[in-house]
Amino acid sequence: AFLPIDWRKLDLKSPDAHYFFSEAARYGIGALGMSFPMRGP
């Protein structure tokens, strides 16, 4: 990706994705988020 990624638009149906976000929630990471891909020269 080059544009910001809204986490709600990700495919979270896989068992791995579900596990990943449930682990993140245990550490206080919210379910709503955005990620900005960064590229250097």
PDB file of all heavy atoms in Angstrom:
ATOM      1  N   ALA A   1       0.825  -1.215   0.000  1.00  0.00           N
ATOM      2  CA  ALA A   1       0.000   0.000   0.000  1.00  0.00           C
ATOM      3  C   ALA A   1       0.860   1.266   0.000  1.00  0.00           C
ATOM      4  O   ALA A   1       1.987   1.264   0.483  1.00  0.00           O
ATOM      5  CB  ALA A   1      -0.919   0.008   1.213  1.00  0.00           C
ATOM      6  N   PHE A   2       0.294   2.325  -0.551  1.00  0.00           N
ATOM      7  CA  PHE A   2       0.927   3.627  -0.489  1.00  0.00           C
ATOM      8  C   PHE A   2       0.055   4.622   0.266  1.00  0.00           C
ATOM      9  O   PHE A   2       0.533   5.617   0.769  1.00  0.00           O
ATOM     10  CB  PHE A   2       1.222   4.161  -1.895  1.00  0.00           C
ATOM     11  CG  PHE A   2       2.374   3.454  -2.540  1.00  0.00           C
ATOM     12  CD1 PHE A   2       2.163   2.368  -3.364  1.00  0.00           C
ATOM     13  CD2 PHE A   2       3.674   3.845  -2.290  1.00  0.00           C
ATOM     14  CE1 PHE A   2       3.224   1.697  -3.946  1.00  0.00           C
ATOM     15  CE2 PHE A   2       4.747   3.180  -2.863  1.00  0.00           C
ATOM     16  CZ  PHE A   2       4.516   2.099  -3.700  1.00  0.00           C
ATOM     17  N   LEU A   3      -1.235   4.349   0.327  1.00  0.00           N
ATOM     18  CA  LEU A   3      -2.173   5.222   1.017  1.00  0.00           C
ATOM     19  C   LEU A   3      -2.417   4.705   2.431  1.00  0.00           C
ATOM     20  O   LEU A   3      -2.165   3.531   2.718  1.00  0.00           O
ATOM     21  CB  LEU A   3      -3.489   5.279   0.239  1.00  0.00           C
ATOM     22  CG  LEU A   3      -3.393   5.847  -1.168  1.00  0.00           C
ATOM     23  CD1 LEU A   3      -4.740   5.726  -1.877  1.00  0.00           C
ATOM     24  CD2 LEU A   3      -2.925   7.284  -1.148  1.00  0.00           C
ATOM     25  N   PRO A   4      -2.930   5.560   3.329  1.00  0.00           N
ATOM     26  CA  PRO A   4      -3.222   5.106   4.694  1.00  0.00           C
ATOM     27  C   PRO A   4      -4.175   3.907   4.692  1.00  0.00           C
ATOM     28  O   PRO A   4      -5.060   3.798   3.843  1.00  0.00           O
ATOM     29  CB  PRO A   4      -3.895   6.328   5.337  1.00  0.00           C
ATOM     30  CG  PRO A   4      -3.418   7.488   4.544  1.00  0.00           C
ATOM     31  CD  PRO A   4      -3.238   6.979   3.144  1.00  0.00           C
ATOM     32  N   ILE A   5      -3.971   3.028   5.645  1.00  0.00           N
ATOM     33  CA  ILE A   5      -4.770   1.814   5.762  1.00  0.00           C
ATOM     34  C   ILE A   5      -5.676   1.937   6.979  1.00  0.00           C
ATOM     35  O   ILE A   5      -5.196   2.043   8.107  1.00  0.00           O
ATOM     36  CB  ILE A   5      -3.863   0.577   5.931  1.00  0.00           C
ATOM     37  CG1 ILE A   5      -2.917   0.463   4.736  1.00  0.00           C
ATOM     38  CG2 ILE A   5      -4.685  -0.682   6.134  1.00  0.00           C
ATOM     39  CD1 ILE A   5      -1.719  -0.434   5.002  1.00  0.00           C
ATOM     40  N   ASP A   6      -6.977   1.967   6.749  1.00  0.00           N
ATOM     41  CA  ASP A   6      -7.949   1.965   7.844  1.00  0.00           C
ATOM     42  C   ASP A   6      -8.158   0.511   8.240  1.00  0.00           C
ATOM     43  O   ASP A   6      -8.522  -0.321   7.408  1.00  0.00           O
ATOM     44  CB  ASP A   6      -9.267   2.590   7.378  1.00  0.00           C
ATOM     45  CG  ASP A   6     -10.264   2.771   8.505  1.00  0.00           C
ATOM     46  OD1 ASP A   6     -10.252   1.968   9.478  1.00  0.00           O
ATOM     47  OD2 ASP A   6     -11.070   3.706   8.432  1.00  0.00           O
ATOM     48  N   TRP A   7      -7.921   0.186   9.497  1.00  0.00           N
ATOM     49  CA  TRP A   7      -7.974  -1.199   9.937  1.00  0.00           C
ATOM     50  C   TRP A   7      -9.336  -1.844   9.699  1.00  0.00           C
ATOM     51  O   TRP A   7      -9.432  -3.048   9.540  1.00  0.00           O
ATOM     52  CB  TRP A   7      -7.613  -1.304  11.407  1.00  0.00           C
ATOM     53  CG  TRP A   7      -6.195  -0.929  11.709  1.00  0.00           C
ATOM     54  CD1 TRP A   7      -5.234  -0.498  10.833  1.00  0.00           C
ATOM     55  CD2 TRP A   7      -5.572  -0.954  12.984  1.00  0.00           C
ATOM     56  NE1 TRP A   7      -4.070  -0.249  11.481  1.00  0.00           N
ATOM     57  CE2 TRP A   7      -4.243  -0.514  12.816  1.00  0.00           C
ATOM     58  CE3 TRP A   7      -6.001  -1.283  14.255  1.00  0.00           C
ATOM     59  CZ2 TRP A   7      -3.346  -0.418  13.869  1.00  0.00           C
ATOM     60  CZ3 TRP A   7      -5.117  -1.189  15.304  1.00  0.00           C
ATOM     61  CH2 TRP A   7      -3.797  -0.761  15.109  1.00  0.00           C
ATOM     62  N   ARG A   8     -10.398  -1.038   9.675  1.00  0.00           N
ATOM     63  CA  ARG A   8     -11.733  -1.607   9.458  1.00  0.00           C
ATOM     64  C   ARG A   8     -11.889  -2.173   8.048  1.00  0.00           C
ATOM     65  O   ARG A   8     -12.782  -2.968   7.798  1.00  0.00           O
ATOM     66  CB  ARG A   8     -12.821  -0.568   9.720  1.00  0.00           C
ATOM     67  CG  ARG A   8     -12.968  -0.246  11.203  1.00  0.00           C
ATOM     68  CD  ARG A   8     -14.042   0.755  11.426  1.00  0.00           C
ATOM     69  NE  ARG A   8     -13.549   2.050  10.947  1.00  0.00           N
ATOM     70  CZ  ARG A   8     -14.199   3.179  11.074  1.00  0.00           C
ATOM     71  NH1 ARG A   8     -15.387   3.205  11.630  1.00  0.00           N
ATOM     72  NH2 ARG A   8     -13.690   4.297  10.635  1.00  0.00           N
ATOM     73  N   LYS A   9     -11.024  -1.774   7.129  1.00  0.00           N
ATOM     74  CA  LYS A   9     -11.126  -2.259   5.750  1.00  0.00           C
ATOM     75  C   LYS A   9     -10.260  -3.492   5.496  1.00  0.00           C
ATOM     76  O   LYS A   9     -10.232  -4.003   4.388  1.00  0.00           O
ATOM     77  CB  LYS A   9     -10.759  -1.136   4.785  1.00  0.00           C
ATOM     78  CG  LYS A   9     -11.758   0.004   4.848  1.00  0.00           C
ATOM     79  CD  LYS A   9     -11.422   1.108   3.899  1.00  0.00           C
ATOM     80  CE  LYS A   9     -12.478   2.212   4.057  1.00  0.00           C
ATOM     81  NZ  LYS A   9     -12.112   3.402   3.357  1.00  0.00           N
ATOM     82  N   LEU A  10      -9.579  -3.962   6.528  1.00  0.00           N
ATOM     83  CA  LEU A  10      -8.756  -5.159   6.392  1.00  0.00           C
ATOM     84  C   LEU A  10      -9.614  -6.411   6.492  1.00  0.00           C
ATOM     85  O   LEU A  10     -10.655  -6.411   7.161  1.00  0.00           O
ATOM     86  CB  LEU A  10      -7.698  -5.207   7.503  1.00  0.00           C
ATOM     87  CG  LEU A  10      -6.637  -4.116   7.476  1.00  0.00           C
ATOM     88  CD1 LEU A  10      -5.800  -4.176   8.751  1.00  0.00           C
ATOM     89  CD2 LEU A  10      -5.751  -4.259   6.251  1.00  0.00           C
ATOM     90  N   ASP A  11      -9.174  -7.468   5.853  1.00  0.00           N
ATOM     91  CA  ASP A  11      -9.857  -8.757   5.968  1.00  0.00           C
ATOM     92  C   ASP A  11      -9.387  -9.413   7.267  1.00  0.00           C
ATOM     93  O   ASP A  11      -8.242  -9.864   7.361  1.00  0.00           O
ATOM     94  CB  ASP A  11      -9.531  -9.638   4.764  1.00  0.00           C
ATOM     95  CG  ASP A  11     -10.218 -10.995   4.847  1.00  0.00           C
ATOM     96  OD1 ASP A  11     -11.128 -11.158   5.687  1.00  0.00           O
ATOM     97  OD2 ASP A  11      -9.840 -11.886   4.065  1.00  0.00           O
ATOM     98  N   LEU A  12     -10.262  -9.449   8.261  1.00  0.00           N
ATOM     99  CA  LEU A  12      -9.897  -9.969   9.578  1.00  0.00           C
ATOM    100  C   LEU A  12     -10.581 -11.293   9.880  1.00  0.00           C
ATOM    101  O   LEU A  12     -10.694 -11.692  11.035  1.00  0.00           O
ATOM    102  CB  LEU A  12     -10.256  -8.932  10.655  1.00  0.00           C
ATOM    103  CG  LEU A  12      -9.657  -7.535  10.464  1.00  0.00           C
ATOM    104  CD1 LEU A  12     -10.114  -6.595  11.560  1.00  0.00           C
ATOM    105  CD2 LEU A  12      -8.143  -7.615  10.409  1.00  0.00           C
ATOM    106  N   LYS A  13     -11.017 -11.977   8.840  1.00  0.00           N
ATOM    107  CA  LYS A  13     -11.764 -13.226   9.037  1.00  0.00           C
ATOM    108  C   LYS A  13     -10.868 -14.441   9.280  1.00  0.00           C
ATOM    109  O   LYS A  13     -11.310 -15.434   9.827  1.00  0.00           O
ATOM    110  CB  LYS A  13     -12.665 -13.475   7.834  1.00  0.00           C
ATOM    111  CG  LYS A  13     -13.786 -12.455   7.716  1.00  0.00           C
ATOM    112  CD  LYS A  13     -14.663 -12.770   6.506  1.00  0.00           C
ATOM    113  CE  LYS A  13     -15.790 -11.785   6.403  1.00  0.00           C
ATOM    114  NZ  LYS A  13     -15.456 -10.589   5.687  1.00  0.00           N
ATOM    115  N   SER A  14      -9.612 -14.365   8.890  1.00  0.00           N
ATOM    116  CA  SER A  14      -8.733 -15.521   9.051  1.00  0.00           C
ATOM    117  C   SER A  14      -8.457 -15.767  10.539  1.00  0.00           C
ATOM    118  O   SER A  14      -8.459 -14.831  11.343  1.00  0.00           O
ATOM    119  CB  SER A  14      -7.416 -15.311   8.308  1.00  0.00           C
ATOM    120  OG  SER A  14      -6.586 -14.433   9.040  1.00  0.00           O
ATOM    121  N   PRO A  15      -8.207 -17.013  10.914  1.00  0.00           N
ATOM    122  CA  PRO A  15      -7.877 -17.316  12.314  1.00  0.00           C
ATOM    123  C   PRO A  15      -6.635 -16.562  12.790  1.00  0.00           C
ATOM    124  O   PRO A  15      -6.586 -16.118  13.932  1.00  0.00           O
ATOM    125  CB  PRO A  15      -7.632 -18.831  12.312  1.00  0.00           C
ATOM    126  CG  PRO A  15      -8.352 -19.342  11.115  1.00  0.00           C
ATOM    127  CD  PRO A  15      -8.320 -18.233  10.107  1.00  0.00           C
ATOM    128  N   ASP A  16      -5.636 -16.419  11.899  1.00  0.00           N
ATOM    129  CA  ASP A  16      -4.429 -15.692  12.285  1.00  0.00           C
ATOM    130  C   ASP A  16      -4.726 -14.220  12.602  1.00  0.00           C
ATOM    131  O   ASP A  16      -4.240 -13.674  13.591  1.00  0.00           O
ATOM    132  CB  ASP A  16      -3.375 -15.765  11.175  1.00  0.00           C
ATOM    133  CG  ASP A  16      -2.683 -17.123  11.114  1.00  0.00           C
ATOM    134  OD1 ASP A  16      -2.753 -17.875  12.111  1.00  0.00           O
ATOM    135  OD2 ASP A  16      -2.078 -17.407  10.070  1.00  0.00           O
ATOM    136  N   ALA A  17      -5.513 -13.575  11.748  1.00  0.00           N
ATOM    137  CA  ALA A  17      -5.861 -12.164  11.973  1.00  0.00           C
ATOM    138  C   ALA A  17      -6.681 -12.021  13.250  1.00  0.00           C
ATOM    139  O   ALA A  17      -6.455 -11.091  14.034  1.00  0.00           O
ATOM    140  CB  ALA A  17      -6.625 -11.610  10.780  1.00  0.00           C
ATOM    141  N   HIS A  18      -7.610 -12.927  13.449  1.00  0.00           N
ATOM    142  CA  HIS A  18      -8.423 -12.889  14.669  1.00  0.00           C
ATOM    143  C   HIS A  18      -7.532 -13.045  15.907  1.00  0.00           C
ATOM    144  O   HIS A  18      -7.660 -12.305  16.882  1.00  0.00           O
ATOM    145  CB  HIS A  18      -9.492 -13.987  14.623  1.00  0.00           C
ATOM    146  CG  HIS A  18     -10.390 -13.991  15.808  1.00  0.00           C
ATOM    147  ND1 HIS A  18     -11.323 -13.010  16.040  1.00  0.00           N
ATOM    148  CD2 HIS A  18     -10.468 -14.851  16.869  1.00  0.00           C
ATOM    149  CE1 HIS A  18     -11.949 -13.261  17.171  1.00  0.00           C
ATOM    150  NE2 HIS A  18     -11.439 -14.368  17.707  1.00  0.00           N
ATOM    151  N   TYR A  19      -6.617 -13.999  15.863  1.00  0.00           N
ATOM    152  CA  TYR A  19      -5.689 -14.210  16.972  1.00  0.00           C
ATOM    153  C   TYR A  19      -4.828 -12.962  17.199  1.00  0.00           C
ATOM    154  O   TYR A  19      -4.638 -12.520  18.332  1.00  0.00           O
ATOM    155  CB  TYR A  19      -4.794 -15.425  16.697  1.00  0.00           C
ATOM    156  CG  TYR A  19      -3.695 -15.590  17.702  1.00  0.00           C
ATOM    157  CD1 TYR A  19      -3.962 -16.118  18.970  1.00  0.00           C
ATOM    158  CD2 TYR A  19      -2.391 -15.208  17.407  1.00  0.00           C
ATOM    159  CE1 TYR A  19      -2.951 -16.255  19.903  1.00  0.00           C
ATOM    160  CE2 TYR A  19      -1.375 -15.337  18.328  1.00  0.00           C
ATOM    161  CZ  TYR A  19      -1.655 -15.868  19.581  1.00  0.00           C
ATOM    162  OH  TYR A  19      -0.661 -15.990  20.508  1.00  0.00           O
ATOM    163  N   PHE A  20      -4.309 -12.398  16.107  1.00  0.00           N
ATOM    164  CA  PHE A  20      -3.439 -11.227  16.195  1.00  0.00           C
ATOM    165  C   PHE A  20      -4.147 -10.068  16.916  1.00  0.00           C
ATOM    166  O   PHE A  20      -3.598  -9.467  17.835  1.00  0.00           O
ATOM    167  CB  PHE A  20      -2.996 -10.790  14.792  1.00  0.00           C
ATOM    168  CG  PHE A  20      -2.099  -9.595  14.790  1.00  0.00           C
ATOM    169  CD1 PHE A  20      -0.741  -9.732  15.032  1.00  0.00           C
ATOM    170  CD2 PHE A  20      -2.611  -8.326  14.561  1.00  0.00           C
ATOM    171  CE1 PHE A  20       0.091  -8.630  15.041  1.00  0.00           C
ATOM    172  CE2 PHE A  20      -1.782  -7.214  14.564  1.00  0.00           C
ATOM    173  CZ  PHE A  20      -0.423  -7.372  14.806  1.00  0.00           C
ATOM    174  N   PHE A  21      -5.377  -9.758  16.488  1.00  0.00           N
ATOM    175  CA  PHE A  21      -6.087  -8.632  17.095  1.00  0.00           C
ATOM    176  C   PHE A  21      -6.581  -8.941  18.508  1.00  0.00           C
ATOM    177  O   PHE A  21      -6.674  -8.041  19.334  1.00  0.00           O
ATOM    178  CB  PHE A  21      -7.218  -8.154  16.183  1.00  0.00           C
ATOM    179  CG  PHE A  21      -6.734  -7.168  15.160  1.00  0.00           C
ATOM    180  CD1 PHE A  21      -6.458  -7.569  13.866  1.00  0.00           C
ATOM    181  CD2 PHE A  21      -6.521  -5.847  15.493  1.00  0.00           C
ATOM    182  CE1 PHE A  21      -5.988  -6.670  12.926  1.00  0.00           C
ATOM    183  CE2 PHE A  21      -6.043  -4.931  14.565  1.00  0.00           C
ATOM    184  CZ  PHE A  21      -5.777  -5.336  13.278  1.00  0.00           C
ATOM    185  N   SER A  22      -6.875 -10.200  18.818  1.00  0.00           N
ATOM    186  CA  SER A  22      -7.269 -10.528  20.189  1.00  0.00           C
ATOM    187  C   SER A  22      -6.064 -10.385  21.116  1.00  0.00           C
ATOM    188  O   SER A  22      -6.190  -9.898  22.243  1.00  0.00           O
ATOM    189  CB  SER A  22      -7.896 -11.916  20.286  1.00  0.00           C
ATOM    190  OG  SER A  22      -6.967 -12.907  19.938  1.00  0.00           O
ATOM    191  N   GLU A  23      -4.870 -10.766  20.648  1.00  0.00           N
ATOM    192  CA  GLU A  23      -3.645 -10.567  21.434  1.00  0.00           C
ATOM    193  C   GLU A  23      -3.374  -9.073  21.616  1.00  0.00           C
ATOM    194  O   GLU A  23      -3.006  -8.629  22.700  1.00  0.00           O
ATOM    195  CB  GLU A  23      -2.441 -11.217  20.733  1.00  0.00           C
ATOM    196  CG  GLU A  23      -2.294 -12.681  20.981  1.00  0.00           C
ATOM    197  CD  GLU A  23      -1.917 -12.982  22.428  1.00  0.00           C
ATOM    198  OE1 GLU A  23      -0.867 -12.504  22.907  1.00  0.00           O
ATOM    199  OE2 GLU A  23      -2.703 -13.699  23.072  1.00  0.00           O
ATOM    200  N   ALA A  24      -3.530  -8.313  20.559  1.00  0.00           N
ATOM    201  CA  ALA A  24      -3.302  -6.865  20.638  1.00  0.00           C
ATOM    202  C   ALA A  24      -4.241  -6.235  21.653  1.00  0.00           C
ATOM    203  O   ALA A  24      -3.838  -5.368  22.448  1.00  0.00           O
ATOM    204  CB  ALA A  24      -3.489  -6.232  19.262  1.00  0.00           C
ATOM    205  N   ALA A  25      -5.501  -6.663  21.660  1.00  0.00           N
ATOM    206  CA  ALA A  25      -6.485  -6.120  22.603  1.00  0.00           C
ATOM    207  C   ALA A  25      -6.069  -6.396  24.049  1.00  0.00           C
ATOM    208  O   ALA A  25      -6.293  -5.561  24.933  1.00  0.00           O
ATOM    209  CB  ALA A  25      -7.864  -6.699  22.313  1.00  0.00           C
ATOM    210  N   ARG A  26      -5.468  -7.555  24.290  1.00  0.00           N
ATOM    211  CA  ARG A  26      -5.009  -7.878  25.651  1.00  0.00           C
ATOM    212  C   ARG A  26      -3.972  -6.882  26.150  1.00  0.00           C
ATOM    213  O   ARG A  26      -3.799  -6.706  27.348  1.00  0.00           O
ATOM    214  CB  ARG A  26      -4.418  -9.284  25.688  1.00  0.00           C
ATOM    215  CG  ARG A  26      -5.462 -10.360  25.640  1.00  0.00           C
ATOM    216  CD  ARG A  26      -4.927 -11.744  25.824  1.00  0.00           C
ATOM    217  NE  ARG A  26      -3.630 -11.787  26.488  1.00  0.00           N
ATOM    218  CZ  ARG A  26      -2.850 -12.841  26.509  1.00  0.00           C
ATOM    219  NH1 ARG A  26      -3.223 -13.942  25.903  1.00  0.00           N
ATOM    220  NH2 ARG A  26      -1.674 -12.822  27.116  1.00  0.00           N
ATOM    221  N   TYR A  27      -3.253  -6.244  25.226  1.00  0.00           N
ATOM    222  CA  TYR A  27      -2.233  -5.271  25.596  1.00  0.00           C
ATOM    223  C   TYR A  27      -2.714  -3.826  25.437  1.00  0.00           C
ATOM    224  O   TYR A  27      -1.921  -2.895  25.416  1.00  0.00           O
ATOM    225  CB  TYR A  27      -0.967  -5.510  24.776  1.00  0.00           C
ATOM    226  CG  TYR A  27      -0.286  -6.806  25.158  1.00  0.00           C
ATOM    227  CD1 TYR A  27      -0.518  -7.968  24.434  1.00  0.00           C
ATOM    228  CD2 TYR A  27       0.541  -6.865  26.266  1.00  0.00           C
ATOM    229  CE1 TYR A  27       0.082  -9.162  24.789  1.00  0.00           C
ATOM    230  CE2 TYR A  27       1.138  -8.053  26.643  1.00  0.00           C
ATOM    231  CZ  TYR A  27       0.908  -9.199  25.902  1.00  0.00           C
ATOM    232  OH  TYR A  27       1.495 -10.377  26.268  1.00  0.00           O
ATOM    233  N   GLY A  28      -4.028  -3.649  25.304  1.00  0.00           N
ATOM    234  CA  GLY A  28      -4.605  -2.307  25.257  1.00  0.00           C
ATOM    235  C   GLY A  28      -4.584  -1.635  23.902  1.00  0.00           C
ATOM    236  O   GLY A  28      -4.859  -0.441  23.802  1.00  0.00           O
ATOM    237  N   ILE A  29      -4.273  -2.367  22.870  1.00  0.00           N
ATOM    238  CA  ILE A  29      -4.284  -1.788  21.524  1.00  0.00           C
ATOM    239  C   ILE A  29      -5.714  -1.804  21.019  1.00  0.00           C
ATOM    240  O   ILE A  29      -6.375  -2.835  21.039  1.00  0.00           O
ATOM    241  CB  ILE A  29      -3.343  -2.555  20.579  1.00  0.00           C
ATOM    242  CG1 ILE A  29      -1.913  -2.406  21.083  1.00  0.00           C
ATOM    243  CG2 ILE A  29      -3.483  -2.053  19.142  1.00  0.00           C
ATOM    244  CD1 ILE A  29      -0.902  -3.225  20.343  1.00  0.00           C
ATOM    245  N   GLY A  30      -6.190  -0.657  20.572  1.00  0.00           N
ATOM    246  CA  GLY A  30      -7.572  -0.523  20.136  1.00  0.00           C
ATOM    247  C   GLY A  30      -7.878  -1.285  18.858  1.00  0.00           C
ATOM    248  O   GLY A  30      -6.991  -1.625  18.081  1.00  0.00           O
ATOM    249  N   ALA A  31      -9.146  -1.531  18.659  1.00  0.00           N
ATOM    250  CA  ALA A  31      -9.593  -2.231  17.450  1.00  0.00           C
ATOM    251  C   ALA A  31      -9.677  -1.280  16.257  1.00  0.00           C
ATOM    252  O   ALA A  31      -9.671  -1.712  15.115  1.00  0.00           O
ATOM    253  CB  ALA A  31     -10.952  -2.876  17.695  1.00  0.00           C
ATOM    254  N   LEU A  32      -9.775   0.002  16.521  1.00  0.00           N
ATOM    255  CA  LEU A  32      -9.845   1.003  15.458  1.00  0.00           C
ATOM    256  C   LEU A  32      -8.474   1.637  15.299  1.00  0.00           C
ATOM    257  O   LEU A  32      -7.862   2.058  16.269  1.00  0.00           O
ATOM    258  CB  LEU A  32     -10.882   2.073  15.800  1.00  0.00           C
ATOM    259  CG  LEU A  32     -12.304   1.558  16.017  1.00  0.00           C
ATOM    260  CD1 LEU A  32     -13.196   2.675  16.511  1.00  0.00           C
ATOM    261  CD2 LEU A  32     -12.850   0.963  14.739  1.00  0.00           C
ATOM    262  N   GLY A  33      -8.007   1.693  14.080  1.00  0.00           N
ATOM    263  CA  GLY A  33      -6.693   2.270  13.866  1.00  0.00           C
ATOM    264  C   GLY A  33      -6.424   2.556  12.415  1.00  0.00           C
ATOM    265  O   GLY A  33      -7.198   2.179  11.528  1.00  0.00           O
ATOM    266  N   MET A  34      -5.330   3.232  12.213  1.00  0.00           N
ATOM    267  CA  MET A  34      -4.847   3.539  10.861  1.00  0.00           C
ATOM    268  C   MET A  34      -3.364   3.287  10.832  1.00  0.00           C
ATOM    269  O   MET A  34      -2.666   3.515  11.818  1.00  0.00           O
ATOM    270  CB  MET A  34      -5.090   5.005  10.511  1.00  0.00           C
ATOM    271  CG  MET A  34      -6.530   5.340  10.288  1.00  0.00           C
ATOM    272  SD  MET A  34      -6.681   6.844   9.346  1.00  0.00           S
ATOM    273  CE  MET A  34      -6.163   6.284   7.750  1.00  0.00           C
ATOM    274  N   SER A  35      -2.896   2.821   9.700  1.00  0.00           N
ATOM    275  CA  SER A  35      -1.469   2.626   9.495  1.00  0.00           C
ATOM    276  C   SER A  35      -1.060   3.365   8.238  1.00  0.00           C
ATOM    277  O   SER A  35      -1.773   3.357   7.240  1.00  0.00           O
ATOM    278  CB  SER A  35      -1.139   1.141   9.375  1.00  0.00           C
ATOM    279  OG  SER A  35      -1.397   0.488  10.600  1.00  0.00           O
ATOM    280  N   PHE A  36       0.095   3.995   8.319  1.00  0.00           N
ATOM    281  CA  PHE A  36       0.620   4.781   7.210  1.00  0.00           C
ATOM    282  C   PHE A  36       1.900   4.128   6.708  1.00  0.00           C
ATOM    283  O   PHE A  36       2.912   4.134   7.404  1.00  0.00           O
ATOM    284  CB  PHE A  36       0.915   6.215   7.667  1.00  0.00           C
ATOM    285  CG  PHE A  36      -0.298   6.945   8.148  1.00  0.00           C
ATOM    286  CD1 PHE A  36      -0.748   6.794   9.450  1.00  0.00           C
ATOM    287  CD2 PHE A  36      -0.998   7.770   7.293  1.00  0.00           C
ATOM    288  CE1 PHE A  36      -1.875   7.466   9.890  1.00  0.00           C
ATOM    289  CE2 PHE A  36      -2.123   8.447   7.727  1.00  0.00           C
ATOM    290  CZ  PHE A  36      -2.571   8.294   9.020  1.00  0.00           C
ATOM    291  N   PRO A  37       1.863   3.534   5.516  1.00  0.00           N
ATOM    292  CA  PRO A  37       3.091   2.951   4.956  1.00  0.00           C
ATOM    293  C   PRO A  37       4.109   4.058   4.688  1.00  0.00           C
ATOM    294  O   PRO A  37       3.756   5.130   4.200  1.00  0.00           O
ATOM    295  CB  PRO A  37       2.637   2.318   3.648  1.00  0.00           C
ATOM    296  CG  PRO A  37       1.152   2.193   3.767  1.00  0.00           C
ATOM    297  CD  PRO A  37       0.716   3.320   4.650  1.00  0.00           C
ATOM    298  N   MET A  38       5.363   3.805   5.040  1.00  0.00           N
ATOM    299  CA  MET A  38       6.433   4.772   4.844  1.00  0.00           C
ATOM    300  C   MET A  38       7.459   4.163   3.892  1.00  0.00           C
ATOM    301  O   MET A  38       7.822   3.002   4.026  1.00  0.00           O
ATOM    302  CB  MET A  38       7.131   5.080   6.173  1.00  0.00           C
ATOM    303  CG  MET A  38       6.225   5.592   7.254  1.00  0.00           C
ATOM    304  SD  MET A  38       5.738   7.277   6.904  1.00  0.00           S
ATOM    305  CE  MET A  38       4.254   7.376   7.874  1.00  0.00           C
ATOM    306  N   ARG A  39       7.894   4.951   2.940  1.00  0.00           N
ATOM    307  CA  ARG A  39       8.913   4.513   2.002  1.00  0.00           C
ATOM    308  C   ARG A  39       9.999   5.572   1.946  1.00  0.00           C
ATOM    309  O   ARG A  39       9.719   6.763   1.851  1.00  0.00           O
ATOM    310  CB  ARG A  39       8.345   4.357   0.587  1.00  0.00           C
ATOM    311  CG  ARG A  39       7.144   3.454   0.463  1.00  0.00           C
ATOM    312  CD  ARG A  39       7.551   2.001   0.328  1.00  0.00           C
ATOM    313  NE  ARG A  39       6.471   1.111  -0.026  1.00  0.00           N
ATOM    314  CZ  ARG A  39       5.522   0.676   0.806  1.00  0.00           C
ATOM    315  NH1 ARG A  39       5.499   1.101   2.040  1.00  0.00           N
ATOM    316  NH2 ARG A  39       4.599  -0.170   0.409  1.00  0.00           N
ATOM    317  N   GLY A  40      11.240   5.126   1.984  1.00  0.00           N
ATOM    318  CA  GLY A  40      12.363   6.042   1.891  1.00  0.00           C
ATOM    319  C   GLY A  40      12.988   5.994   0.518  1.00  0.00           C
ATOM    320  O   GLY A  40      12.659   5.130  -0.307  1.00  0.00           O
ATOM    321  N   PRO A  41      13.922   6.894   0.245  1.00  0.00           N
ATOM    322  CA  PRO A  41      14.531   6.983  -1.076  1.00  0.00           C
ATOM    323  C   PRO A  41      15.445   5.818  -1.419  1.00  0.00           C
ATOM    324  O   PRO A  41      15.710   5.542  -2.575  1.00  0.00           O
ATOM    325  CB  PRO A  41      15.326   8.292  -1.015  1.00  0.00           C
ATOM    326  CG  PRO A  41      15.635   8.456   0.433  1.00  0.00           C
ATOM    327  CD  PRO A  41      14.448   7.898   1.165  1.00  0.00           C
TER     328      PRO A  41
END
